[in-house]
Protein backbone atom coordinates (compact mmCIF):
# COMPACT_ATOMS: atom_id res chain seq x y z
CA UNK A 1 24.64 10.27 -24.16
CA UNK A 2 27.47 7.75 -24.10
CA UNK A 3 27.06 4.87 -26.49
CA UNK A 4 28.26 1.25 -26.39
CA UNK A 5 29.61 -0.33 -29.55
CA UNK A 6 26.65 -1.98 -31.17
CA UNK A 7 28.55 -5.09 -32.28
CA UNK A 8 29.83 -5.84 -28.81
CA UNK A 9 27.42 -4.21 -26.36
CA UNK A 10 28.43 -6.26 -23.34
CA UNK A 11 32.18 -6.00 -23.85
CA UNK A 12 34.00 -3.64 -21.55
CA UNK A 13 31.38 -3.92 -18.81
CA UNK A 14 32.77 -5.44 -15.63
CA UNK A 15 30.78 -8.56 -14.78
CA UNK A 16 30.26 -10.29 -11.46
CA UNK A 17 28.62 -13.52 -10.33
CA UNK A 18 25.95 -13.36 -7.63
CA UNK A 19 24.24 -16.09 -5.63
CA UNK A 20 20.67 -15.05 -6.32
CA UNK A 21 17.16 -16.26 -5.58
CA UNK A 22 13.73 -15.12 -6.68
CA UNK A 23 12.57 -15.16 -3.06
CA UNK A 24 13.94 -16.37 0.30
CA UNK A 25 12.31 -19.78 -0.11
CA UNK A 26 13.69 -20.44 -3.61
CA UNK A 27 16.97 -22.27 -4.24
CA UNK A 28 19.92 -20.04 -5.05
CA UNK A 29 21.27 -19.85 -8.58
CA UNK A 30 24.41 -18.29 -10.03
CA UNK A 31 23.66 -15.09 -11.91
CA UNK A 32 26.29 -13.23 -13.93
CA UNK A 33 25.59 -9.63 -14.83
CA UNK A 34 27.27 -6.19 -14.63
CA UNK A 35 28.86 -5.81 -11.21
CA UNK A 36 27.41 -2.33 -10.71
CA UNK A 37 23.85 -3.64 -11.00
CA UNK A 38 24.12 -5.40 -7.65
CA UNK A 39 22.31 -8.13 -5.77
CA UNK A 40 18.81 -6.78 -6.32
CA UNK A 41 19.20 -7.01 -10.09
CA UNK A 42 20.57 -10.56 -9.79
CA UNK A 43 17.56 -11.61 -7.70
CA UNK A 44 15.26 -9.95 -10.23
CA UNK A 45 16.81 -11.86 -13.14
CA UNK A 46 16.43 -15.09 -11.16
CA UNK A 47 12.73 -14.25 -10.78
CA UNK A 48 12.37 -13.49 -14.49
CA UNK A 49 13.93 -16.85 -15.40
CA UNK A 50 12.81 -19.12 -12.52
CA UNK A 51 13.57 -22.37 -14.31
CA UNK A 52 17.24 -21.56 -14.97
CA UNK A 53 19.93 -22.82 -12.61
CA UNK A 54 22.78 -20.75 -14.02
CA UNK A 55 22.20 -17.40 -15.73
CA UNK A 56 24.49 -15.18 -17.77
CA UNK A 57 22.63 -12.01 -18.68
CA UNK A 58 24.24 -11.71 -22.11
CA UNK A 59 23.26 -15.28 -22.97
CA UNK A 60 19.81 -14.85 -21.45
CA UNK A 61 19.26 -11.71 -23.52
CA UNK A 62 20.47 -13.52 -26.63
CA UNK A 63 17.78 -16.12 -25.98
CA UNK A 64 14.96 -13.70 -26.79
CA UNK A 65 16.83 -11.22 -29.00
CA UNK A 66 18.15 -13.76 -31.52
CA UNK A 67 14.67 -14.89 -32.70
CA UNK A 68 13.58 -11.25 -32.99
CA UNK A 69 16.66 -10.36 -35.02
CA UNK A 70 16.17 -13.35 -37.33
CA UNK A 71 12.57 -12.36 -38.04
CA UNK A 72 13.56 -8.75 -38.63
CA UNK A 73 16.14 -9.78 -41.22
CA UNK A 74 13.68 -12.16 -42.89
CA UNK A 75 11.09 -9.38 -43.11
CA UNK A 76 13.63 -6.89 -44.42
CA UNK A 77 13.10 -4.55 -41.48
CA UNK A 78 16.54 -4.20 -39.90
CA UNK A 79 19.88 -5.96 -39.81
CA UNK A 80 21.05 -4.27 -36.61
CA UNK A 81 18.03 -4.70 -34.36
CA UNK A 82 19.77 -7.44 -32.35
CA UNK A 83 22.76 -5.29 -31.45
CA UNK A 84 20.47 -2.34 -30.72
CA UNK A 85 18.42 -4.38 -28.28
CA UNK A 86 21.54 -5.71 -26.55
CA UNK A 87 22.84 -2.15 -26.21
CA UNK A 88 19.52 -0.90 -24.86
CA UNK A 89 19.58 -3.55 -22.15
CA UNK A 90 23.30 -3.27 -21.40
CA UNK A 91 22.92 0.48 -20.82
CA UNK A 92 20.00 -0.33 -18.54
CA UNK A 93 17.62 1.92 -20.44
CA UNK A 94 14.89 -0.66 -21.02
CA UNK A 95 13.87 -4.32 -20.94
CA UNK A 96 10.92 -6.42 -22.13
CA UNK A 97 8.38 -8.17 -19.94
CA UNK A 98 9.19 -11.54 -18.38
CA UNK A 99 7.15 -13.49 -20.95
CA UNK A 100 9.42 -12.21 -23.73
CA UNK A 101 12.52 -13.31 -21.79
CA UNK A 102 10.98 -16.77 -21.54
CA UNK A 103 10.02 -16.84 -25.26
CA UNK A 104 6.40 -17.38 -24.26
CA UNK A 105 4.82 -14.07 -25.25
CA UNK A 106 1.44 -13.20 -23.83
CA UNK A 107 -1.43 -11.50 -25.63
CA UNK A 108 -0.19 -8.12 -24.36
CA UNK A 109 3.63 -8.18 -24.13
CA UNK A 110 5.29 -5.20 -22.54
CA UNK A 111 8.46 -3.15 -22.56
CA UNK A 112 9.60 -0.91 -19.70
CA UNK A 113 11.92 2.08 -19.96
CA UNK A 114 14.08 3.32 -17.11
CA UNK A 115 12.99 6.88 -17.76
CA UNK A 116 15.57 8.51 -15.48
CA UNK A 117 18.37 6.98 -17.58
CA UNK A 118 17.50 9.39 -20.41
CA UNK A 119 18.30 12.47 -18.34
CA UNK A 120 21.81 13.86 -18.62
CA UNK A 121 22.98 17.25 -17.33
CA UNK A 122 19.40 18.37 -16.77
CA UNK A 123 18.24 17.57 -20.31
CA UNK A 124 16.26 14.61 -21.58
CA UNK A 125 17.74 12.78 -24.56
CA UNK A 126 14.47 12.80 -26.44
CA UNK A 127 16.05 11.57 -29.67
CA UNK A 128 17.33 8.39 -28.02
CA UNK A 129 14.01 7.87 -26.20
CA UNK A 130 12.10 8.16 -29.48
CA UNK A 131 14.40 5.68 -31.22
CA UNK A 132 14.20 3.25 -28.29
CA UNK A 133 10.40 3.45 -28.29
CA UNK A 134 10.21 2.56 -31.96
CA UNK A 135 12.74 -0.22 -31.36
CA UNK A 136 10.66 -1.67 -28.52
CA UNK A 137 7.45 -1.69 -30.58
CA UNK A 138 9.21 -3.44 -33.44
CA UNK A 139 10.81 -6.00 -31.13
CA UNK A 140 7.55 -6.83 -29.35
CA UNK A 141 5.72 -7.14 -32.66
CA UNK A 142 8.30 -9.58 -34.00
CA UNK A 143 8.35 -11.53 -30.72
CA UNK A 144 4.55 -11.75 -30.53
CA UNK A 145 3.11 -11.29 -34.04
CA UNK A 146 -0.38 -12.24 -32.92
CA UNK A 147 -0.62 -9.67 -30.12
CA UNK A 148 -3.00 -6.80 -30.80
CA UNK A 149 -2.15 -4.93 -27.62
CA UNK A 150 1.25 -3.84 -26.29
CA UNK A 151 2.22 -2.33 -22.94
CA UNK A 152 4.97 0.24 -23.50
CA UNK A 153 5.64 2.03 -20.22
CA UNK A 154 8.30 3.44 -17.95
CA UNK A 155 9.48 3.10 -14.38
CA UNK A 156 11.02 5.20 -11.60
CA UNK A 157 9.31 8.44 -12.55
CA UNK A 158 10.00 9.54 -8.98
CA UNK A 159 13.78 9.59 -9.60
CA UNK A 160 13.37 11.59 -12.80
CA UNK A 161 11.24 14.18 -11.00
CA UNK A 162 13.81 14.36 -8.20
CA UNK A 163 16.61 15.02 -10.69
CA UNK A 164 14.48 17.73 -12.29
CA UNK A 165 13.91 19.32 -8.88
CA UNK A 166 10.14 18.79 -9.02
CA UNK A 167 7.86 18.00 -6.12
CA UNK A 168 6.03 14.78 -6.96
CA UNK A 169 2.68 16.23 -5.91
CA UNK A 170 2.99 19.42 -7.96
CA UNK A 171 1.13 20.31 -11.12
CA UNK A 172 4.49 20.77 -12.84
CA UNK A 173 5.36 17.13 -12.10
CA UNK A 174 2.07 15.92 -13.56
CA UNK A 175 2.44 18.11 -16.66
CA UNK A 176 5.94 16.72 -17.25
CA UNK A 177 4.69 13.14 -16.86
CA UNK A 178 1.77 13.75 -19.25
CA UNK A 179 3.96 15.34 -21.94
CA UNK A 180 6.52 12.55 -21.61
CA UNK A 181 3.86 9.85 -21.88
CA UNK A 182 2.32 11.55 -24.92
CA UNK A 183 5.76 11.72 -26.56
CA UNK A 184 6.37 8.00 -26.01
CA UNK A 185 2.85 7.16 -27.18
CA UNK A 186 3.22 9.15 -30.38
CA UNK A 187 6.45 7.41 -31.37
CA UNK A 188 4.95 4.04 -30.46
CA UNK A 189 2.08 4.86 -32.82
CA UNK A 190 4.50 5.79 -35.60
CA UNK A 191 6.32 2.46 -35.22
CA UNK A 192 3.08 0.46 -35.09
CA UNK A 193 1.76 2.24 -38.18
CA UNK A 194 4.95 1.37 -40.04
CA UNK A 195 4.32 -2.31 -39.24
CA UNK A 196 0.66 -2.10 -40.27
CA UNK A 197 1.16 -3.34 -43.90
CA UNK A 198 2.49 -6.65 -42.58
CA UNK A 199 -0.65 -7.31 -40.54
CA UNK A 200 -4.10 -8.49 -41.68
CA UNK A 201 -5.79 -6.34 -39.02
CA UNK A 202 -8.05 -3.48 -40.01
CA UNK A 203 -5.93 -0.86 -38.29
CA UNK A 204 -6.63 1.53 -35.46
CA UNK A 205 -6.88 5.31 -35.68
CA UNK A 206 -4.75 7.73 -33.68
CA UNK A 207 -6.35 9.85 -30.96
CA UNK A 208 -4.17 12.81 -30.01
CA UNK A 209 -4.25 13.76 -26.31
CA UNK A 210 -4.25 17.30 -24.97
CA UNK A 211 -0.79 18.49 -24.03
CA UNK A 212 0.19 20.91 -21.25
CA UNK A 213 1.57 24.20 -22.50
CA UNK A 214 4.66 24.15 -20.31
CA UNK A 215 6.82 21.55 -18.57
CA UNK A 216 9.98 21.60 -16.48
CA UNK A 217 11.87 19.92 -19.33
CA UNK A 218 12.92 22.46 -21.99
CA UNK A 219 11.76 21.46 -25.43
CA UNK A 220 9.54 18.61 -24.27
CA UNK A 221 6.16 20.19 -25.12
CA UNK A 222 7.35 21.16 -28.61
CA UNK A 223 8.88 17.71 -29.20
CA UNK A 224 5.70 16.01 -28.00
CA UNK A 225 3.54 18.20 -30.23
CA UNK A 226 5.71 17.46 -33.25
CA UNK A 227 5.55 13.73 -32.48
CA UNK A 228 1.76 13.88 -32.24
CA UNK A 229 1.55 15.59 -35.62
CA UNK A 230 3.79 12.94 -37.17
CA UNK A 231 1.70 10.20 -35.58
CA UNK A 232 -1.48 11.66 -37.05
CA UNK A 233 0.14 11.59 -40.51
CA UNK A 234 1.36 8.01 -40.06
CA UNK A 235 -2.13 6.56 -40.41
CA UNK A 236 -3.71 3.62 -38.64
CA UNK A 237 -1.73 1.30 -36.39
CA UNK A 238 -1.26 -2.43 -36.26
CA UNK A 239 -2.05 -2.50 -32.54
CA UNK A 240 -5.23 -1.58 -30.74
CA UNK A 241 -3.32 -0.33 -27.68
CA UNK A 242 0.32 0.60 -27.23
CA UNK A 243 0.88 2.19 -23.82
CA UNK A 244 0.60 0.35 -20.53
CA UNK A 245 2.16 -0.07 -17.11
CA UNK A 246 2.57 -3.80 -16.71
CA UNK A 247 2.85 -5.33 -13.26
CA UNK A 248 6.49 -6.38 -13.73
CA UNK A 249 8.38 -5.56 -10.50
CA UNK A 250 11.21 -7.97 -11.40
CA UNK A 251 11.82 -6.26 -14.74
CA UNK A 252 11.78 -2.84 -13.06
CA UNK A 253 14.24 -4.06 -10.41
CA UNK A 254 16.52 -5.40 -13.15
CA UNK A 255 16.63 -1.87 -14.56
CA UNK A 256 17.57 -0.49 -11.13
CA UNK A 257 14.26 1.19 -10.39
CA UNK A 258 13.68 2.04 -6.74
CA UNK A 259 10.00 2.95 -7.18
CA UNK A 260 7.65 1.14 -9.56
CA UNK A 261 6.14 2.90 -12.58
CA UNK A 262 4.84 6.39 -11.71
CA UNK A 263 4.35 5.88 -7.97
CA UNK A 264 5.89 8.24 -5.39
CA UNK A 265 8.68 7.20 -3.02
CA UNK A 266 7.49 6.56 0.52
CA UNK A 267 10.83 6.18 2.29
CA UNK A 268 14.32 7.63 1.78
CA UNK A 269 15.85 4.41 3.15
CA UNK A 270 16.10 1.11 1.28
CA UNK A 271 15.81 -2.45 2.63
CA UNK A 272 19.49 -2.46 3.64
CA UNK A 273 19.03 0.68 5.74
CA UNK A 274 20.93 2.87 3.26
CA UNK A 275 19.79 6.09 1.64
CA UNK A 276 18.07 5.48 -1.68
CA UNK A 277 19.47 7.00 -4.85
CA UNK A 278 16.64 9.52 -5.09
CA UNK A 279 17.27 10.59 -1.48
CA UNK A 280 20.97 11.02 -2.14
CA UNK A 281 20.32 13.10 -5.21
CA UNK A 282 17.72 15.15 -3.38
CA UNK A 283 20.31 16.02 -0.74
CA UNK A 284 22.95 16.75 -3.35
CA UNK A 285 20.62 19.11 -5.17
CA UNK A 286 20.30 21.07 -1.93
CA UNK A 287 24.02 21.05 -1.29
CA UNK A 288 23.77 18.78 1.76
CA UNK A 289 26.19 16.01 2.62
CA UNK A 290 25.03 13.04 4.74
CA UNK A 291 26.53 14.45 7.96
CA UNK A 292 24.80 17.81 7.57
CA UNK A 293 21.56 16.09 6.62
CA UNK A 294 21.72 13.90 9.72
CA UNK A 295 22.31 16.93 11.94
CA UNK A 296 19.33 18.74 10.47
CA UNK A 297 17.17 15.65 10.78
CA UNK A 298 18.11 15.27 14.46
CA UNK A 299 17.30 18.91 15.07
CA UNK A 300 13.75 18.28 13.93
CA UNK A 301 13.88 19.39 10.29
CA UNK A 302 11.96 17.19 7.84
CA UNK A 303 14.27 16.65 4.89
CA UNK A 304 12.13 14.08 3.12
CA UNK A 305 8.48 14.99 3.60
CA UNK A 306 6.01 12.27 2.69
CA UNK A 307 4.01 12.80 -0.52
CA UNK A 308 0.89 14.83 0.05
CA UNK A 309 -2.32 12.90 0.44
CA UNK A 310 -3.80 12.27 -2.98
CA UNK A 311 -0.57 12.95 -4.94
CA UNK A 312 -0.39 9.39 -6.27
CA UNK A 313 -4.07 9.45 -7.14
CA UNK A 314 -3.68 12.77 -8.97
CA UNK A 315 -0.77 11.40 -11.01
CA UNK A 316 -2.76 8.28 -11.86
CA UNK A 317 -5.73 10.32 -13.04
CA UNK A 318 -3.49 12.61 -15.11
CA UNK A 319 -1.95 9.67 -17.01
CA UNK A 320 -5.03 7.45 -17.28
CA UNK A 321 -6.50 9.17 -20.39
CA UNK A 322 -3.28 8.43 -22.31
CA UNK A 323 -2.54 4.87 -21.15
CA UNK A 324 -4.64 1.83 -21.99
CA UNK A 325 -3.38 -0.45 -19.21
CA UNK A 326 -3.02 1.21 -15.81
CA UNK A 327 -2.33 -0.15 -12.32
CA UNK A 328 -5.22 -0.19 -9.87
CA UNK A 329 -6.35 3.30 -9.01
CA UNK A 330 -4.85 4.38 -5.66
CA UNK A 331 -7.22 4.71 -2.76
CA UNK A 332 -8.86 8.05 -2.09
CA UNK A 333 -7.08 10.14 0.54
CA UNK A 334 -8.49 9.63 3.99
CA UNK A 335 -11.11 12.20 4.80
CA UNK A 336 -10.58 14.50 7.72
CA UNK A 337 -11.80 12.95 10.93
CA UNK A 338 -15.37 13.85 11.70
CA UNK A 339 -15.89 15.92 14.83
CA UNK A 340 -16.53 13.76 17.88
CA UNK A 341 -20.15 13.37 18.95
CA UNK A 342 -19.08 13.08 22.57
CA UNK A 343 -21.20 15.30 24.83
CA UNK A 344 -18.96 16.76 27.54
CA UNK A 345 -20.18 16.91 31.10
CA UNK A 346 -20.62 20.31 32.78
CA UNK A 347 -17.68 21.57 34.82
CA UNK A 348 -19.82 21.53 37.97
CA UNK A 349 -22.04 18.51 38.11
CA UNK A 350 -24.20 16.57 40.50
CA UNK A 351 -24.26 12.87 41.29
CA UNK A 352 -23.82 10.64 44.30
CA UNK A 353 -21.32 8.36 46.01
CA UNK A 354 -22.42 5.00 47.40
CA UNK A 355 -20.28 3.10 49.92
CA UNK A 356 -21.03 -0.60 50.25
CA UNK A 357 -19.47 -3.92 51.13
CA UNK A 358 -19.84 -6.79 48.65
CA UNK A 359 -18.99 -10.11 50.21
CA UNK A 360 -16.89 -8.31 52.78
CA UNK A 361 -14.97 -6.19 50.25
CA UNK A 362 -15.45 -2.42 50.31
CA UNK A 363 -16.49 -0.60 47.17
CA UNK A 364 -17.18 3.07 46.46
CA UNK A 365 -19.40 3.91 43.46
CA UNK A 366 -19.56 7.55 42.34
CA UNK A 367 -21.55 9.03 39.46
CA UNK A 368 -21.55 12.28 37.49
CA UNK A 369 -24.66 13.70 35.85
CA UNK A 370 -25.68 16.13 33.13
CA UNK A 371 -27.85 19.12 33.97
CA UNK A 372 -30.96 17.13 33.09
CA UNK A 373 -30.03 14.37 35.53
CA UNK A 374 -28.84 11.86 32.94
CA UNK A 375 -25.82 9.83 34.03
CA UNK A 376 -22.61 10.64 32.17
CA UNK A 377 -19.79 9.01 34.13
CA UNK A 378 -19.01 6.51 36.86
CA UNK A 379 -16.06 5.89 39.19
CA UNK A 380 -15.44 2.63 41.04
CA UNK A 381 -12.91 2.68 43.90
CA UNK A 382 -11.73 -0.50 45.59
CA UNK A 383 -9.64 -0.83 48.74
CA UNK A 384 -8.81 -4.47 49.48
CA UNK A 385 -8.09 -5.61 45.96
CA UNK A 386 -4.72 -5.89 44.24
CA UNK A 387 -3.31 -3.22 41.98
CA UNK A 388 -4.07 -5.19 38.82
CA UNK A 389 -7.73 -5.60 39.75
CA UNK A 390 -8.01 -1.93 40.73
CA UNK A 391 -6.39 -0.84 37.47
CA UNK A 392 -8.75 -2.97 35.39
CA UNK A 393 -11.75 -1.59 37.27
CA UNK A 394 -10.57 1.99 36.73
CA UNK A 395 -10.12 1.36 33.00
CA UNK A 396 -13.53 -0.31 32.83
CA UNK A 397 -15.19 2.69 34.51
CA UNK A 398 -13.51 5.09 32.08
CA UNK A 399 -14.67 3.00 29.10
CA UNK A 400 -18.25 2.97 30.38
CA UNK A 401 -18.12 6.73 30.99
CA UNK A 402 -16.90 7.41 27.44
CA UNK A 403 -19.71 5.24 26.11
CA UNK A 404 -22.32 7.10 28.16
CA UNK A 405 -21.00 10.43 26.90
CA UNK A 406 -21.24 9.19 23.30
CA UNK A 407 -24.88 8.22 23.70
CA UNK A 408 -24.73 4.56 24.68
CA UNK A 409 -27.77 3.89 26.81
CA UNK A 410 -27.39 2.82 30.43
CA UNK A 411 -29.94 0.11 29.68
CA UNK A 412 -27.43 -1.59 27.38
CA UNK A 413 -24.80 -1.69 30.13
CA UNK A 414 -27.29 -3.03 32.64
CA UNK A 415 -28.31 -5.76 30.24
CA UNK A 416 -24.69 -6.72 29.57
CA UNK A 417 -23.17 -6.67 33.06
CA UNK A 418 -25.80 -7.60 35.61
CA UNK A 419 -25.56 -11.23 36.75
CA UNK A 420 -21.88 -11.41 35.82
CA UNK A 421 -20.42 -13.91 38.26
CA UNK A 422 -16.95 -13.76 39.84
CA UNK A 423 -15.55 -13.05 43.25
CA UNK A 424 -15.83 -11.05 45.40
CA UNK A 425 -19.57 -11.75 45.55
CA UNK A 426 -22.19 -12.22 48.22
CA UNK A 427 -24.28 -10.19 50.62
CA UNK A 428 -24.29 -6.42 50.02
CA UNK A 429 -24.12 -4.23 53.12
CA UNK A 430 -24.85 -0.51 52.99
CA UNK A 431 -27.38 -0.39 50.14
CA UNK A 432 -30.97 -1.29 51.06
CA UNK A 433 -31.97 -1.35 47.37
CA UNK A 434 -29.52 -4.16 46.51
CA UNK A 435 -29.15 -6.91 49.07
CA UNK A 436 -26.87 -9.31 47.16
CA UNK A 437 -24.67 -9.35 44.10
CA UNK A 438 -22.94 -12.04 42.06
CA UNK A 439 -19.92 -9.78 41.48
CA UNK A 440 -18.82 -6.22 41.97
CA UNK A 441 -19.88 -5.40 38.39
CA UNK A 442 -23.26 -6.95 39.07
CA UNK A 443 -23.66 -4.68 42.07
CA UNK A 444 -22.58 -1.53 40.20
CA UNK A 445 -25.16 -1.94 37.46
CA UNK A 446 -27.92 -3.11 39.81
CA UNK A 447 -27.37 0.09 41.76
CA UNK A 448 -27.38 2.26 38.62
CA UNK A 449 -30.49 0.49 37.31
CA UNK A 450 -32.37 1.31 40.51
CA UNK A 451 -31.26 4.94 40.77
CA UNK A 452 -31.34 6.02 37.11
CA UNK A 453 -33.74 3.63 35.43
CA UNK A 454 -36.15 2.87 38.29
CA UNK A 455 -35.51 -0.81 37.71
CA UNK A 456 -36.49 -2.38 41.04
CA UNK A 457 -37.79 -5.56 39.41
CA UNK A 458 -34.49 -7.22 38.52
CA UNK A 459 -34.37 -10.88 39.53
CA UNK A 460 -32.56 -11.31 42.84
CA UNK A 461 -28.95 -12.39 42.71
CA UNK A 462 -28.39 -16.05 43.58
CA UNK A 463 -25.36 -16.50 45.82
CA UNK A 464 -23.82 -19.78 44.72
CA UNK A 465 -20.09 -20.19 45.06
CA UNK A 466 -18.05 -18.36 42.48
CA UNK A 467 -16.73 -21.77 41.44
CA UNK A 468 -20.12 -22.97 40.23
CA UNK A 469 -22.13 -22.05 37.19
CA UNK A 470 -25.23 -20.03 38.00
CA UNK A 471 -28.71 -20.90 36.89
CA UNK A 472 -28.82 -18.25 34.23
CA UNK A 473 -25.83 -19.76 32.42
CA UNK A 474 -27.05 -23.33 32.54
CA UNK A 475 -27.70 -23.47 28.83
CA UNK A 476 -23.99 -22.79 28.20
CA UNK A 477 -22.53 -24.93 31.05
CA UNK A 478 -20.34 -27.95 30.19
CA UNK A 479 -22.37 -31.16 30.43
CA UNK A 480 -21.30 -34.36 32.09
CA UNK A 481 -21.90 -37.57 30.13
CA UNK A 482 -25.63 -38.39 29.94
CA UNK A 483 -26.41 -35.19 31.86
CA UNK A 484 -29.26 -33.12 30.42
CA UNK A 485 -29.53 -29.45 31.35
CA UNK A 486 -32.46 -28.12 33.28
CA UNK A 487 -34.40 -25.38 31.57
CA UNK A 488 -32.60 -22.10 32.23
CA UNK A 489 -34.68 -19.29 33.68
CA UNK A 490 -35.11 -16.65 31.01
CA UNK A 491 -35.56 -13.61 33.24
CA UNK A 492 -31.88 -12.75 32.82
CA UNK A 493 -29.00 -13.83 30.60
CA UNK A 494 -25.84 -14.60 32.53
CA UNK A 495 -23.11 -13.76 30.08
CA UNK A 496 -19.86 -13.87 32.00
CA UNK A 497 -18.16 -16.29 34.39
CA UNK A 498 -14.63 -15.73 35.60
CA UNK A 499 -12.84 -18.52 37.45
CA UNK A 500 -9.96 -17.48 39.67
């Protein structure tokens, strides 16, 4: 892996100034950082240092690295830790949590590694990753001597798996992630144990996790096993916990991560409408250029299938036994939809059609029945009304029919829709069982109540103008000043009044 001169880690890197902001509502600040990092990294650094009005990344890094380096020299630990930390950040391999940048360390400071940055020509640079892990533990300990818990983690696992040619939802992907996490954890333990003599704490024992036998990364299982054995020999640690995935999206964006921590990618397109890096590399691994990929996509081929349901949850559960601080557990995959309880009507069914006139407007009511005579559907046809009214009535009839077929009782519909009041309304001609109706819906459900429920005792419809409030709704009518409502008759509840 290419190295940057330790004494001048930022020299030779082309810099650029960006007008950045932590969010759209924040004032813009000038941020200077490597030009190749782009606008997203500049915005992330502005979010990490929200109180600054002008930021130079080298100077900002010096703000937290210099105190760490001074303490390391005073403790006789290392004279080069400052340059090493600058190089680690300049190469975009890792960065500390925002509280360390601000020199206000929390009780559980963190450090995040851009795990895909350690892959070169299909091989992981495990030696550099081990050294960086030990460096991060030492730096966090010197920055926050009183912290008993650290959160050493990584980001953009999805890109690493893509470069390795692994399906995120596969067992091979999970085995690789587990072995990698165990490797980092073991070296973090070794570093913490080395710092144990300088701490008054009692020390914490090492618990070795179970490793997978094989991974897609050659040499990783053997390296992880050797690291675990060395960690067991190192003795107790200074810190109670070492591994953790901190909720630090700004730090992860500063490192160039497209997907946080170990989550899967959900879209091959970024916020600017461009292909993400992982999507580009996925195409390249299959020998596809953008034009060919577009042609295949337009022909119906799915080039970027969404992660399988439960893949994120499975990855979370695989890593949870190794990591002390985990993000919230992803939701369970949605269960398969339960079979519908809708009871279909027979292909040949009985029923009746009633032709009436309500207030001078013709209406046809048709019903469909099950073999036992229970009503299962209704149709309401109008002739004089406008297309909008007819369409609404058709949709209403379909909704009622679906409800009847799913077991909703006709009694419930009768209770809800009789005495609804809107025009057309008035005298009913053609149905001796119903002589008047306050609306077409009122008539429909009065008719059904008589024929299917034997309800001949409904209160008669009162035929006030559609512009007045009926007696049954008196308790909800607007009151004039000093006007007290008369007691509303309780034989029916009038629940709907439409004013044209």
